[in-house]
Amino acid sequence: MANLKSVDSSNFETEVLQAPVPVLVDFWASWCPPCRALAPTLEELAVDEPTRLRIVKVSVEEERELPEKFGVRNIPTLILFKGGEAVARMVGNRTKKALLREIEAYL
């Protein structure tokens, strides 16, 4: 996952909330099959949309504060942030086309 940066509570504000472009945050876990299935889609999207979108990952195994703060109850959960605000939320695996359709209005 070379194009996807991991973030945690120490750098979330800088990497996500203060980002100059929309940021899609993937709340995931290594033991989660849908999370692993979604990873290549997110990697491909990060390569295809490097100027319009940043994608980062938050491990719910390592980071407890952020999932709780944003009400993450199931994984994978994707939350799109724009201008420091959560503007869209998706739960579960998606195709690249479906994911783009859901976030396109915010890019």
PDB file of N, CA and C in Angstrom:
ATOM      1  N   MET A   1       0.834  -1.188   0.000  1.00  0.00           N
ATOM      2  CA  MET A   1       0.000   0.000   0.000  1.00  0.00           C
ATOM      3  C   MET A   1       0.874   1.245   0.000  1.00  0.00           C
ATOM      4  N   ALA A   2       1.670   1.348  -1.005  1.00  0.00           N
ATOM      5  CA  ALA A   2       2.660   2.409  -1.085  1.00  0.00           C
ATOM      6  C   ALA A   2       2.056   3.802  -1.160  1.00  0.00           C
ATOM      7  N   ASN A   3       0.884   3.937  -1.764  1.00  0.00           N
ATOM      8  CA  ASN A   3       0.294   5.256  -1.941  1.00  0.00           C
ATOM      9  C   ASN A   3      -0.642   5.658  -0.801  1.00  0.00           C
ATOM     10  N   LEU A   4      -0.837   4.775   0.158  1.00  0.00           N
ATOM     11  CA  LEU A   4      -1.759   5.044   1.253  1.00  0.00           C
ATOM     12  C   LEU A   4      -0.979   5.222   2.547  1.00  0.00           C
ATOM     13  N   LYS A   5      -1.104   6.378   3.128  1.00  0.00           N
ATOM     14  CA  LYS A   5      -0.392   6.694   4.358  1.00  0.00           C
ATOM     15  C   LYS A   5      -1.230   6.299   5.565  1.00  0.00           C
ATOM     16  N   SER A   6      -0.579   5.756   6.580  1.00  0.00           N
ATOM     17  CA  SER A   6      -1.265   5.459   7.841  1.00  0.00           C
ATOM     18  C   SER A   6      -1.246   6.701   8.711  1.00  0.00           C
ATOM     19  N   VAL A   7      -2.379   6.977   9.340  1.00  0.00           N
ATOM     20  CA  VAL A   7      -2.451   8.107  10.266  1.00  0.00           C
ATOM     21  C   VAL A   7      -2.999   7.620  11.593  1.00  0.00           C
ATOM     22  N   ASP A   8      -2.741   8.408  12.626  1.00  0.00           N
ATOM     23  CA  ASP A   8      -3.267   8.118  13.963  1.00  0.00           C
ATOM     24  C   ASP A   8      -3.608   9.451  14.622  1.00  0.00           C
ATOM     25  N   SER A   9      -3.939   9.414  15.882  1.00  0.00           N
ATOM     26  CA  SER A   9      -4.381  10.647  16.540  1.00  0.00           C
ATOM     27  C   SER A   9      -3.270  11.705  16.608  1.00  0.00           C
ATOM     28  N   SER A  10      -2.008  11.298  16.506  1.00  0.00           N
ATOM     29  CA  SER A  10      -0.918  12.273  16.579  1.00  0.00           C
ATOM     30  C   SER A  10      -0.782  13.123  15.313  1.00  0.00           C
ATOM     31  N   ASN A  11      -1.207  12.600  14.163  1.00  0.00           N
ATOM     32  CA  ASN A  11      -1.054  13.373  12.928  1.00  0.00           C
ATOM     33  C   ASN A  11      -2.361  13.526  12.140  1.00  0.00           C
ATOM     34  N   PHE A  12      -3.480  13.141  12.729  1.00  0.00           N
ATOM     35  CA  PHE A  12      -4.763  13.197  12.029  1.00  0.00           C
ATOM     36  C   PHE A  12      -5.141  14.627  11.650  1.00  0.00           C
ATOM     37  N   GLU A  13      -4.960  15.546  12.551  1.00  0.00           N
ATOM     38  CA  GLU A  13      -5.343  16.934  12.254  1.00  0.00           C
ATOM     39  C   GLU A  13      -4.547  17.478  11.069  1.00  0.00           C
ATOM     40  N   THR A  14      -3.260  17.289  11.066  1.00  0.00           N
ATOM     41  CA  THR A  14      -2.412  17.792   9.984  1.00  0.00           C
ATOM     42  C   THR A  14      -2.694  17.083   8.666  1.00  0.00           C
ATOM     43  N   GLU A  15      -2.761  15.755   8.696  1.00  0.00           N
ATOM     44  CA  GLU A  15      -2.887  14.961   7.472  1.00  0.00           C
ATOM     45  C   GLU A  15      -4.304  14.947   6.893  1.00  0.00           C
ATOM     46  N   VAL A  16      -5.311  15.112   7.749  1.00  0.00           N
ATOM     47  CA  VAL A  16      -6.694  14.983   7.287  1.00  0.00           C
ATOM     48  C   VAL A  16      -7.452  16.302   7.397  1.00  0.00           C
ATOM     49  N   LEU A  17      -7.557  16.828   8.591  1.00  0.00           N
ATOM     50  CA  LEU A  17      -8.405  18.000   8.815  1.00  0.00           C
ATOM     51  C   LEU A  17      -7.855  19.269   8.164  1.00  0.00           C
ATOM     52  N   GLN A  18      -6.542  19.388   8.058  1.00  0.00           N
ATOM     53  CA  GLN A  18      -5.934  20.579   7.458  1.00  0.00           C
ATOM     54  C   GLN A  18      -5.477  20.351   6.015  1.00  0.00           C
ATOM     55  N   ALA A  19      -5.821  19.231   5.436  1.00  0.00           N
ATOM     56  CA  ALA A  19      -5.375  18.909   4.077  1.00  0.00           C
ATOM     57  C   ALA A  19      -5.989  19.857   3.054  1.00  0.00           C
ATOM     58  N   PRO A  20      -5.237  20.212   2.026  1.00  0.00           N
ATOM     59  CA  PRO A  20      -5.744  21.128   1.001  1.00  0.00           C
ATOM     60  C   PRO A  20      -6.712  20.467   0.008  1.00  0.00           C
ATOM     61  N   VAL A  21      -6.796  19.149   0.031  1.00  0.00           N
ATOM     62  CA  VAL A  21      -7.704  18.401  -0.848  1.00  0.00           C
ATOM     63  C   VAL A  21      -8.568  17.487   0.022  1.00  0.00           C
ATOM     64  N   PRO A  22      -9.686  17.000  -0.502  1.00  0.00           N
ATOM     65  CA  PRO A  22     -10.488  16.042   0.267  1.00  0.00           C
ATOM     66  C   PRO A  22      -9.658  14.810   0.632  1.00  0.00           C
ATOM     67  N   VAL A  23      -9.939  14.258   1.802  1.00  0.00           N
ATOM     68  CA  VAL A  23      -9.213  13.089   2.297  1.00  0.00           C
ATOM     69  C   VAL A  23     -10.209  11.987   2.625  1.00  0.00           C
ATOM     70  N   LEU A  24      -9.993  10.829   2.035  1.00  0.00           N
ATOM     71  CA  LEU A  24     -10.802   9.654   2.315  1.00  0.00           C
ATOM     72  C   LEU A  24     -10.056   8.824   3.354  1.00  0.00           C
ATOM     73  N   VAL A  25     -10.683   8.640   4.517  1.00  0.00           N
ATOM     74  CA  VAL A  25     -10.065   7.898   5.611  1.00  0.00           C
ATOM     75  C   VAL A  25     -10.675   6.508   5.658  1.00  0.00           C
ATOM     76  N   ASP A  26      -9.817   5.506   5.572  1.00  0.00           N
ATOM     77  CA  ASP A  26     -10.218   4.109   5.633  1.00  0.00           C
ATOM     78  C   ASP A  26      -9.944   3.583   7.037  1.00  0.00           C
ATOM     79  N   PHE A  27     -11.008   3.325   7.796  1.00  0.00           N
ATOM     80  CA  PHE A  27     -10.886   2.687   9.102  1.00  0.00           C
ATOM     81  C   PHE A  27     -10.931   1.184   8.851  1.00  0.00           C
ATOM     82  N   TRP A  28      -9.876   0.468   9.198  1.00  0.00           N
ATOM     83  CA  TRP A  28      -9.713  -0.924   8.795  1.00  0.00           C
ATOM     84  C   TRP A  28      -8.996  -1.727   9.885  1.00  0.00           C
ATOM     85  N   ALA A  29      -8.916  -3.039   9.659  1.00  0.00           N
ATOM     86  CA  ALA A  29      -8.138  -3.941  10.521  1.00  0.00           C
ATOM     87  C   ALA A  29      -7.565  -5.050   9.655  1.00  0.00           C
ATOM     88  N   SER A  30      -6.401  -5.541  10.032  1.00  0.00           N
ATOM     89  CA  SER A  30      -5.727  -6.569   9.239  1.00  0.00           C
ATOM     90  C   SER A  30      -6.486  -7.894   9.220  1.00  0.00           C
ATOM     91  N   TRP A  31      -7.281  -8.164  10.241  1.00  0.00           N
ATOM     92  CA  TRP A  31      -8.025  -9.424  10.329  1.00  0.00           C
ATOM     93  C   TRP A  31      -9.369  -9.379   9.604  1.00  0.00           C
ATOM     94  N   CYS A  32      -9.700  -8.257   8.986  1.00  0.00           N
ATOM     95  CA  CYS A  32     -11.012  -8.036   8.363  1.00  0.00           C
ATOM     96  C   CYS A  32     -10.966  -8.359   6.864  1.00  0.00           C
ATOM     97  N   PRO A  33     -11.627  -9.456   6.417  1.00  0.00           N
ATOM     98  CA  PRO A  33     -11.608  -9.795   4.988  1.00  0.00           C
ATOM     99  C   PRO A  33     -12.144  -8.688   4.069  1.00  0.00           C
ATOM    100  N   PRO A  34     -13.273  -8.018   4.386  1.00  0.00           N
ATOM    101  CA  PRO A  34     -13.715  -6.929   3.497  1.00  0.00           C
ATOM    102  C   PRO A  34     -12.708  -5.770   3.431  1.00  0.00           C
ATOM    103  N   CYS A  35     -12.002  -5.527   4.544  1.00  0.00           N
ATOM    104  CA  CYS A  35     -10.978  -4.476   4.546  1.00  0.00           C
ATOM    105  C   CYS A  35      -9.843  -4.833   3.595  1.00  0.00           C
ATOM    106  N   ARG A  36      -9.409  -6.087   3.654  1.00  0.00           N
ATOM    107  CA  ARG A  36      -8.337  -6.532   2.762  1.00  0.00           C
ATOM    108  C   ARG A  36      -8.796  -6.513   1.309  1.00  0.00           C
ATOM    109  N   ALA A  37     -10.059  -6.824   1.068  1.00  0.00           N
ATOM    110  CA  ALA A  37     -10.589  -6.801  -0.299  1.00  0.00           C
ATOM    111  C   ALA A  37     -10.673  -5.375  -0.845  1.00  0.00           C
ATOM    112  N   LEU A  38     -10.937  -4.414   0.020  1.00  0.00           N
ATOM    113  CA  LEU A  38     -11.064  -3.017  -0.383  1.00  0.00           C
ATOM    114  C   LEU A  38      -9.708  -2.358  -0.640  1.00  0.00           C
ATOM    115  N   ALA A  39      -8.662  -2.843  -0.007  1.00  0.00           N
ATOM    116  CA  ALA A  39      -7.341  -2.208  -0.082  1.00  0.00           C
ATOM    117  C   ALA A  39      -6.845  -1.988  -1.507  1.00  0.00           C
ATOM    118  N   PRO A  40      -6.905  -2.976  -2.414  1.00  0.00           N
ATOM    119  CA  PRO A  40      -6.426  -2.721  -3.783  1.00  0.00           C
ATOM    120  C   PRO A  40      -7.243  -1.646  -4.511  1.00  0.00           C
ATOM    121  N   THR A  41      -8.521  -1.564  -4.220  1.00  0.00           N
ATOM    122  CA  THR A  41      -9.368  -0.532  -4.823  1.00  0.00           C
ATOM    123  C   THR A  41      -8.911   0.845  -4.373  1.00  0.00           C
ATOM    124  N   LEU A  42      -8.635   0.990  -3.088  1.00  0.00           N
ATOM    125  CA  LEU A  42      -8.181   2.279  -2.568  1.00  0.00           C
ATOM    126  C   LEU A  42      -6.807   2.638  -3.110  1.00  0.00           C
ATOM    127  N   GLU A  43      -5.945   1.644  -3.223  1.00  0.00           N
ATOM    128  CA  GLU A  43      -4.615   1.872  -3.789  1.00  0.00           C
ATOM    129  C   GLU A  43      -4.725   2.362  -5.230  1.00  0.00           C
ATOM    130  N   GLU A  44      -5.576   1.735  -6.007  1.00  0.00           N
ATOM    131  CA  GLU A  44      -5.779   2.126  -7.400  1.00  0.00           C
ATOM    132  C   GLU A  44      -6.360   3.536  -7.490  1.00  0.00           C
ATOM    133  N   LEU A  45      -7.308   3.838  -6.635  1.00  0.00           N
ATOM    134  CA  LEU A  45      -7.915   5.167  -6.616  1.00  0.00           C
ATOM    135  C   LEU A  45      -6.885   6.236  -6.244  1.00  0.00           C
ATOM    136  N   ALA A  46      -6.005   5.923  -5.305  1.00  0.00           N
ATOM    137  CA  ALA A  46      -4.957   6.865  -4.906  1.00  0.00           C
ATOM    138  C   ALA A  46      -4.016   7.162  -6.071  1.00  0.00           C
ATOM    139  N   VAL A  47      -3.739   6.163  -6.892  1.00  0.00           N
ATOM    140  CA  VAL A  47      -2.877   6.355  -8.066  1.00  0.00           C
ATOM    141  C   VAL A  47      -3.607   7.160  -9.137  1.00  0.00           C
ATOM    142  N   ASP A  48      -4.891   6.873  -9.325  1.00  0.00           N
ATOM    143  CA  ASP A  48      -5.671   7.527 -10.379  1.00  0.00           C
ATOM    144  C   ASP A  48      -6.041   8.971 -10.064  1.00  0.00           C
ATOM    145  N   GLU A  49      -6.172   9.314  -8.804  1.00  0.00           N
ATOM    146  CA  GLU A  49      -6.681  10.644  -8.409  1.00  0.00           C
ATOM    147  C   GLU A  49      -5.724  11.386  -7.463  1.00  0.00           C
ATOM    148  N   PRO A  50      -4.440  11.456  -7.766  1.00  0.00           N
ATOM    149  CA  PRO A  50      -3.497  12.025  -6.796  1.00  0.00           C
ATOM    150  C   PRO A  50      -3.652  13.522  -6.539  1.00  0.00           C
ATOM    151  N   THR A  51      -4.246  14.255  -7.479  1.00  0.00           N
ATOM    152  CA  THR A  51      -4.376  15.701  -7.280  1.00  0.00           C
ATOM    153  C   THR A  51      -5.729  16.092  -6.687  1.00  0.00           C
ATOM    154  N   ARG A  52      -6.728  15.237  -6.823  1.00  0.00           N
ATOM    155  CA  ARG A  52      -8.072  15.574  -6.335  1.00  0.00           C
ATOM    156  C   ARG A  52      -8.417  14.933  -5.003  1.00  0.00           C
ATOM    157  N   LEU A  53      -7.643  13.923  -4.589  1.00  0.00           N
ATOM    158  CA  LEU A  53      -8.028  13.141  -3.416  1.00  0.00           C
ATOM    159  C   LEU A  53      -6.800  12.541  -2.755  1.00  0.00           C
ATOM    160  N   ARG A  54      -6.787  12.580  -1.429  1.00  0.00           N
ATOM    161  CA  ARG A  54      -5.776  11.887  -0.638  1.00  0.00           C
ATOM    162  C   ARG A  54      -6.497  10.756   0.093  1.00  0.00           C
ATOM    163  N   ILE A  55      -5.868   9.597   0.179  1.00  0.00           N
ATOM    164  CA  ILE A  55      -6.455   8.465   0.895  1.00  0.00           C
ATOM    165  C   ILE A  55      -5.494   8.049   1.996  1.00  0.00           C
ATOM    166  N   VAL A  56      -6.019   7.933   3.211  1.00  0.00           N
ATOM    167  CA  VAL A  56      -5.210   7.501   4.354  1.00  0.00           C
ATOM    168  C   VAL A  56      -5.921   6.362   5.069  1.00  0.00           C
ATOM    169  N   LYS A  57      -5.156   5.640   5.889  1.00  0.00           N
ATOM    170  CA  LYS A  57      -5.691   4.489   6.596  1.00  0.00           C
ATOM    171  C   LYS A  57      -5.528   4.689   8.101  1.00  0.00           C
ATOM    172  N   VAL A  58      -6.553   4.269   8.858  1.00  0.00           N
ATOM    173  CA  VAL A  58      -6.496   4.265  10.313  1.00  0.00           C
ATOM    174  C   VAL A  58      -6.757   2.834  10.762  1.00  0.00           C
ATOM    175  N   SER A  59      -5.782   2.232  11.403  1.00  0.00           N
ATOM    176  CA  SER A  59      -5.934   0.873  11.916  1.00  0.00           C
ATOM    177  C   SER A  59      -6.722   0.920  13.222  1.00  0.00           C
ATOM    178  N   VAL A  60      -7.882   0.274  13.243  1.00  0.00           N
ATOM    179  CA  VAL A  60      -8.682   0.261  14.470  1.00  0.00           C
ATOM    180  C   VAL A  60      -8.052  -0.640  15.522  1.00  0.00           C
ATOM    181  N   GLU A  61      -7.094  -1.458  15.126  1.00  0.00           N
ATOM    182  CA  GLU A  61      -6.364  -2.299  16.081  1.00  0.00           C
ATOM    183  C   GLU A  61      -5.356  -1.474  16.874  1.00  0.00           C
ATOM    184  N   GLU A  62      -4.759  -0.491  16.215  1.00  0.00           N
ATOM    185  CA  GLU A  62      -3.712   0.311  16.840  1.00  0.00           C
ATOM    186  C   GLU A  62      -4.217   1.642  17.378  1.00  0.00           C
ATOM    187  N   GLU A  63      -5.283   2.141  16.826  1.00  0.00           N
ATOM    188  CA  GLU A  63      -5.808   3.465  17.163  1.00  0.00           C
ATOM    189  C   GLU A  63      -7.215   3.336  17.717  1.00  0.00           C
ATOM    190  N   ARG A  64      -7.408   3.682  18.959  1.00  0.00           N
ATOM    191  CA  ARG A  64      -8.733   3.574  19.591  1.00  0.00           C
ATOM    192  C   ARG A  64      -9.498   4.899  19.598  1.00  0.00           C
ATOM    193  N   GLU A  65      -8.757   5.994  19.720  1.00  0.00           N
ATOM    194  CA  GLU A  65      -9.381   7.311  19.882  1.00  0.00           C
ATOM    195  C   GLU A  65     -10.166   7.752  18.643  1.00  0.00           C
ATOM    196  N   LEU A  66      -9.576   7.650  17.472  1.00  0.00           N
ATOM    197  CA  LEU A  66     -10.230   8.150  16.255  1.00  0.00           C
ATOM    198  C   LEU A  66     -11.487   7.368  15.876  1.00  0.00           C
ATOM    199  N   PRO A  67     -11.475   6.028  15.899  1.00  0.00           N
ATOM    200  CA  PRO A  67     -12.719   5.315  15.590  1.00  0.00           C
ATOM    201  C   PRO A  67     -13.854   5.701  16.552  1.00  0.00           C
ATOM    202  N   GLU A  68     -13.515   5.851  17.808  1.00  0.00           N
ATOM    203  CA  GLU A  68     -14.535   6.237  18.784  1.00  0.00           C
ATOM    204  C   GLU A  68     -15.037   7.655  18.515  1.00  0.00           C
ATOM    205  N   LYS A  69     -14.121   8.570  18.240  1.00  0.00           N
ATOM    206  CA  LYS A  69     -14.476   9.967  17.987  1.00  0.00           C
ATOM    207  C   LYS A  69     -15.425  10.109  16.799  1.00  0.00           C
ATOM    208  N   PHE A  70     -15.223   9.289  15.767  1.00  0.00           N
ATOM    209  CA  PHE A  70     -16.030   9.399  14.559  1.00  0.00           C
ATOM    210  C   PHE A  70     -17.121   8.336  14.463  1.00  0.00           C
ATOM    211  N   GLY A  71     -17.388   7.653  15.562  1.00  0.00           N
ATOM    212  CA  GLY A  71     -18.507   6.719  15.617  1.00  0.00           C
ATOM    213  C   GLY A  71     -18.376   5.522  14.694  1.00  0.00           C
ATOM    214  N   VAL A  72     -17.149   5.041  14.508  1.00  0.00           N
ATOM    215  CA  VAL A  72     -16.933   3.871  13.655  1.00  0.00           C
ATOM    216  C   VAL A  72     -17.327   2.624  14.432  1.00  0.00           C
ATOM    217  N   ARG A  73     -18.352   1.937  13.955  1.00  0.00           N
ATOM    218  CA  ARG A  73     -18.859   0.737  14.619  1.00  0.00           C
ATOM    219  C   ARG A  73     -18.590  -0.527  13.815  1.00  0.00           C
ATOM    220  N   ASN A  74     -18.448  -0.374  12.496  1.00  0.00           N
ATOM    221  CA  ASN A  74     -18.180  -1.498  11.595  1.00  0.00           C
ATOM    222  C   ASN A  74     -17.002  -1.139  10.708  1.00  0.00           C
ATOM    223  N   ILE A  75     -16.317  -2.168  10.234  1.00  0.00           N
ATOM    224  CA  ILE A  75     -15.214  -1.924   9.311  1.00  0.00           C
ATOM    225  C   ILE A  75     -15.377  -2.822   8.096  1.00  0.00           C
ATOM    226  N   PRO A  76     -14.917  -2.366   6.953  1.00  0.00           N
ATOM    227  CA  PRO A  76     -14.310  -1.062   6.727  1.00  0.00           C
ATOM    228  C   PRO A  76     -15.343   0.057   6.733  1.00  0.00           C
ATOM    229  N   THR A  77     -14.955   1.167   7.325  1.00  0.00           N
ATOM    230  CA  THR A  77     -15.734   2.400   7.237  1.00  0.00           C
ATOM    231  C   THR A  77     -14.859   3.427   6.551  1.00  0.00           C
ATOM    232  N   LEU A  78     -15.406   4.080   5.553  1.00  0.00           N
ATOM    233  CA  LEU A  78     -14.720   5.145   4.837  1.00  0.00           C
ATOM    234  C   LEU A  78     -15.419   6.455   5.160  1.00  0.00           C
ATOM    235  N   ILE A  79     -14.651   7.434   5.601  1.00  0.00           N
ATOM    236  CA  ILE A  79     -15.205   8.763   5.869  1.00  0.00           C
ATOM    237  C   ILE A  79     -14.430   9.761   5.022  1.00  0.00           C
ATOM    238  N   LEU A  80     -15.160  10.552   4.242  1.00  0.00           N
ATOM    239  CA  LEU A  80     -14.545  11.576   3.408  1.00  0.00           C
ATOM    240  C   LEU A  80     -14.582  12.904   4.153  1.00  0.00           C
ATOM    241  N   PHE A  81     -13.412  13.514   4.296  1.00  0.00           N
ATOM    242  CA  PHE A  81     -13.287  14.816   4.944  1.00  0.00           C
ATOM    243  C   PHE A  81     -12.941  15.861   3.893  1.00  0.00           C
ATOM    244  N   LYS A  82     -13.612  16.993   3.992  1.00  0.00           N
ATOM    245  CA  LYS A  82     -13.319  18.125   3.103  1.00  0.00           C
ATOM    246  C   LYS A  82     -13.375  19.386   3.942  1.00  0.00           C
ATOM    247  N   GLY A  83     -12.322  20.173   3.888  1.00  0.00           N
ATOM    248  CA  GLY A  83     -12.279  21.395   4.677  1.00  0.00           C
ATOM    249  C   GLY A  83     -12.386  21.132   6.165  1.00  0.00           C
ATOM    250  N   GLY A  84     -11.859  20.011   6.615  1.00  0.00           N
ATOM    251  CA  GLY A  84     -11.869  19.688   8.037  1.00  0.00           C
ATOM    252  C   GLY A  84     -13.156  19.072   8.555  1.00  0.00           C
ATOM    253  N   GLU A  85     -14.126  18.862   7.684  1.00  0.00           N
ATOM    254  CA  GLU A  85     -15.421  18.316   8.083  1.00  0.00           C
ATOM    255  C   GLU A  85     -15.682  16.973   7.408  1.00  0.00           C
ATOM    256  N   ALA A  86     -16.331  16.074   8.138  1.00  0.00           N
ATOM    257  CA  ALA A  86     -16.760  14.806   7.550  1.00  0.00           C
ATOM    258  C   ALA A  86     -17.979  15.085   6.672  1.00  0.00           C
ATOM    259  N   VAL A  87     -17.872  14.784   5.365  1.00  0.00           N
ATOM    260  CA  VAL A  87     -18.947  15.103   4.433  1.00  0.00           C
ATOM    261  C   VAL A  87     -19.642  13.872   3.859  1.00  0.00           C
ATOM    262  N   ALA A  88     -19.019  12.704   3.993  1.00  0.00           N
ATOM    263  CA  ALA A  88     -19.629  11.475   3.482  1.00  0.00           C
ATOM    264  C   ALA A  88     -19.096  10.292   4.270  1.00  0.00           C
ATOM    265  N   ARG A  89     -19.941   9.263   4.399  1.00  0.00           N
ATOM    266  CA  ARG A  89     -19.565   8.055   5.135  1.00  0.00           C
ATOM    267  C   ARG A  89     -20.099   6.843   4.388  1.00  0.00           C
ATOM    268  N   MET A  90     -19.237   5.837   4.249  1.00  0.00           N
ATOM    269  CA  MET A  90     -19.613   4.591   3.584  1.00  0.00           C
ATOM    270  C   MET A  90     -19.117   3.430   4.431  1.00  0.00           C
ATOM    271  N   VAL A  91     -19.926   2.399   4.542  1.00  0.00           N
ATOM    272  CA  VAL A  91     -19.546   1.219   5.308  1.00  0.00           C
ATOM    273  C   VAL A  91     -19.550   0.020   4.369  1.00  0.00           C
ATOM    274  N   GLY A  92     -18.485  -0.766   4.423  1.00  0.00           N
ATOM    275  CA  GLY A  92     -18.405  -1.971   3.611  1.00  0.00           C
ATOM    276  C   GLY A  92     -17.568  -1.786   2.370  1.00  0.00           C
ATOM    277  N   ASN A  93     -17.318  -2.898   1.716  1.00  0.00           N
ATOM    278  CA  ASN A  93     -16.517  -2.915   0.501  1.00  0.00           C
ATOM    279  C   ASN A  93     -17.294  -2.300  -0.657  1.00  0.00           C
ATOM    280  N   ARG A  94     -16.579  -1.687  -1.595  1.00  0.00           N
ATOM    281  CA  ARG A  94     -17.183  -1.065  -2.768  1.00  0.00           C
ATOM    282  C   ARG A  94     -16.278  -1.284  -3.970  1.00  0.00           C
ATOM    283  N   THR A  95     -16.860  -1.249  -5.144  1.00  0.00           N
ATOM    284  CA  THR A  95     -16.040  -1.219  -6.346  1.00  0.00           C
ATOM    285  C   THR A  95     -15.501   0.195  -6.494  1.00  0.00           C
ATOM    286  N   LYS A  96     -14.488   0.335  -7.309  1.00  0.00           N
ATOM    287  CA  LYS A  96     -13.918   1.666  -7.559  1.00  0.00           C
ATOM    288  C   LYS A  96     -14.967   2.584  -8.171  1.00  0.00           C
ATOM    289  N   LYS A  97     -15.723   2.063  -9.115  1.00  0.00           N
ATOM    290  CA  LYS A  97     -16.756   2.866  -9.776  1.00  0.00           C
ATOM    291  C   LYS A  97     -17.809   3.339  -8.777  1.00  0.00           C
ATOM    292  N   ALA A  98     -18.276   2.453  -7.908  1.00  0.00           N
ATOM    293  CA  ALA A  98     -19.287   2.818  -6.908  1.00  0.00           C
ATOM    294  C   ALA A  98     -18.731   3.835  -5.917  1.00  0.00           C
ATOM    295  N   LEU A  99     -17.491   3.658  -5.522  1.00  0.00           N
ATOM    296  CA  LEU A  99     -16.854   4.581  -4.581  1.00  0.00           C
ATOM    297  C   LEU A  99     -16.727   5.967  -5.202  1.00  0.00           C
ATOM    298  N   LEU A 100     -16.264   6.024  -6.426  1.00  0.00           N
ATOM    299  CA  LEU A 100     -16.151   7.320  -7.104  1.00  0.00           C
ATOM    300  C   LEU A 100     -17.500   8.005  -7.263  1.00  0.00           C
ATOM    301  N   ARG A 101     -18.516   7.231  -7.566  1.00  0.00           N
ATOM    302  CA  ARG A 101     -19.873   7.788  -7.729  1.00  0.00           C
ATOM    303  C   ARG A 101     -20.319   8.444  -6.421  1.00  0.00           C
ATOM    304  N   GLU A 102     -19.986   7.852  -5.297  1.00  0.00           N
ATOM    305  CA  GLU A 102     -20.422   8.384  -4.008  1.00  0.00           C
ATOM    306  C   GLU A 102     -19.648   9.620  -3.566  1.00  0.00           C
ATOM    307  N   ILE A 103     -18.397   9.754  -4.008  1.00  0.00           N
ATOM    308  CA  ILE A 103     -17.591  10.883  -3.530  1.00  0.00           C
ATOM    309  C   ILE A 103     -17.352  11.970  -4.583  1.00  0.00           C
ATOM    310  N   GLU A 104     -17.703  11.716  -5.809  1.00  0.00           N
ATOM    311  CA  GLU A 104     -17.399  12.641  -6.917  1.00  0.00           C
ATOM    312  C   GLU A 104     -17.870  14.073  -6.645  1.00  0.00           C
ATOM    313  N   ALA A 105     -19.016  14.230  -6.051  1.00  0.00           N
ATOM    314  CA  ALA A 105     -19.569  15.565  -5.808  1.00  0.00           C
ATOM    315  C   ALA A 105     -18.685  16.394  -4.869  1.00  0.00           C
ATOM    316  N   TYR A 106     -17.840  15.730  -4.084  1.00  0.00           N
ATOM    317  CA  TYR A 106     -16.990  16.429  -3.114  1.00  0.00           C
ATOM    318  C   TYR A 106     -15.579  16.692  -3.617  1.00  0.00           C
ATOM    319  N   LEU A 107     -15.253  16.168  -4.783  1.00  0.00           N
ATOM    320  CA  LEU A 107     -13.877  16.320  -5.306  1.00  0.00           C
ATOM    321  C   LEU A 107     -13.731  17.586  -6.120  1.00  0.00           C
TER     322      LEU A 107
END
